[in-house]
Amino acid sequence: MFRWWRMTDLLGYTAAILATVAFVPQVTKTVRSRKTDDISVGMYILFCSGVALWLVYGLLVASGPLILSSFATLMLAGTVLVIKLKAGRSERKFMKP
């Protein structure tokens, strides 16, 4: 039989996997198409900042599920953010007279 701490870890890892996997379709689509017109740069900056803080918190409290999910989500969302920022930079260069 599982002990309580093992059940909470199982719950944490399950939540981490589901929340992180939710970003995979967006990242896949963005990486393949390089189209970011409908993506809010402000939202992704705030989101990545929040996830980075969760990662630091997870490290401070030594929470495996929180560290794993925060790191993976930050890498996925960060990929979309970098593509969006690069696309915005190239659009501004193109629009200059």
Protein backbone atom coordinates (compact mmCIF):
# COMPACT_ATOMS: atom_id res chain seq x y z
CA MET A 1 0.00 0.00 0.00
CA PHE A 2 1.16 3.55 -0.77
CA ARG A 3 2.20 5.82 2.04
CA TRP A 4 0.67 9.31 2.14
CA TRP A 5 3.84 11.04 0.90
CA ARG A 6 4.00 8.74 -2.08
CA MET A 7 0.40 9.54 -2.98
CA THR A 8 1.08 13.27 -2.76
CA ASP A 9 4.17 12.87 -4.94
CA LEU A 10 2.14 10.85 -7.44
CA LEU A 11 -0.49 13.59 -7.47
CA GLY A 12 2.19 16.26 -7.91
CA TYR A 13 3.94 14.46 -10.76
CA THR A 14 0.61 13.76 -12.50
CA ALA A 15 -0.35 17.45 -12.28
CA ALA A 16 3.14 18.43 -13.48
CA ILE A 17 2.95 16.16 -16.50
CA LEU A 18 -0.55 17.29 -17.51
CA ALA A 19 0.20 21.00 -17.12
CA THR A 20 3.48 20.74 -19.00
CA VAL A 21 2.18 18.54 -21.83
CA ALA A 22 -0.54 21.15 -22.44
CA PHE A 23 2.14 23.40 -23.97
CA VAL A 24 3.48 20.84 -26.44
CA PRO A 25 0.89 21.48 -29.22
CA GLN A 26 1.49 25.25 -29.09
CA VAL A 27 5.26 24.86 -29.13
CA THR A 28 5.13 22.31 -31.95
CA LYS A 29 2.89 24.54 -34.06
CA THR A 30 4.98 27.64 -33.39
CA VAL A 31 8.31 25.94 -34.10
CA ARG A 32 7.03 24.43 -37.35
CA SER A 33 5.20 27.48 -38.69
CA ARG A 34 7.22 30.30 -37.12
CA LYS A 35 3.93 32.22 -37.08
CA THR A 36 3.36 34.16 -33.88
CA ASP A 37 0.86 36.83 -34.92
CA ASP A 38 -1.82 35.67 -32.49
CA ILE A 39 0.53 35.19 -29.54
CA SER A 40 0.69 37.88 -26.88
CA VAL A 41 4.30 38.73 -26.03
CA GLY A 42 3.19 40.38 -22.79
CA MET A 43 1.34 37.28 -21.64
CA TYR A 44 4.31 35.03 -22.42
CA ILE A 45 6.74 37.35 -20.61
CA LEU A 46 4.52 37.37 -17.51
CA PHE A 47 3.91 33.63 -17.73
CA CYS A 48 7.60 32.75 -18.14
CA SER A 49 8.46 35.06 -15.23
CA GLY A 50 5.87 33.37 -13.03
CA VAL A 51 7.06 29.89 -13.99
CA ALA A 52 10.68 30.91 -13.32
CA LEU A 53 9.65 32.04 -9.83
CA TRP A 54 7.84 28.72 -9.27
CA LEU A 55 11.04 26.97 -10.29
CA VAL A 56 13.05 28.95 -7.72
CA TYR A 57 10.41 28.22 -5.09
CA GLY A 58 10.46 24.52 -5.98
CA LEU A 59 14.24 24.49 -5.57
CA LEU A 60 13.98 26.26 -2.21
CA VAL A 61 11.42 23.80 -0.83
CA ALA A 62 12.99 20.81 -2.63
CA SER A 63 9.78 19.78 -4.41
CA GLY A 64 10.55 17.33 -7.21
CA PRO A 65 7.22 17.69 -9.03
CA LEU A 66 7.38 21.49 -8.87
CA ILE A 67 11.00 21.62 -10.06
CA LEU A 68 10.35 19.20 -12.92
CA SER A 69 7.17 20.85 -14.16
CA SER A 70 8.48 24.40 -13.79
CA PHE A 71 11.70 23.64 -15.64
CA ALA A 72 9.94 21.81 -18.48
CA THR A 73 7.19 24.42 -18.80
CA LEU A 74 9.73 27.24 -18.75
CA MET A 75 11.68 25.59 -21.58
CA LEU A 76 8.53 25.08 -23.66
CA ALA A 77 6.99 28.51 -23.05
CA GLY A 78 10.43 30.12 -23.35
CA THR A 79 10.82 28.59 -26.80
CA VAL A 80 7.59 30.22 -27.95
CA LEU A 81 8.61 33.53 -26.36
CA VAL A 82 12.00 33.54 -28.10
CA ILE A 83 10.39 32.80 -31.47
CA LYS A 84 7.85 35.58 -30.85
CA LEU A 85 10.54 38.09 -29.89
CA LYS A 86 12.66 37.19 -32.93
CA ALA A 87 9.62 37.50 -35.20
CA GLY A 88 8.81 40.91 -33.73
CA ARG A 89 12.37 42.09 -34.24
CA SER A 90 12.42 41.01 -37.89
CA GLU A 91 9.02 42.65 -38.47
CA ARG A 92 10.32 45.97 -37.11
CA LYS A 93 13.40 45.77 -39.36
CA PHE A 94 11.20 45.05 -42.37
CA MET A 95 8.89 48.02 -41.64
CA LYS A 96 11.68 50.62 -41.32
CA PRO A 97 11.96 52.98 -44.34
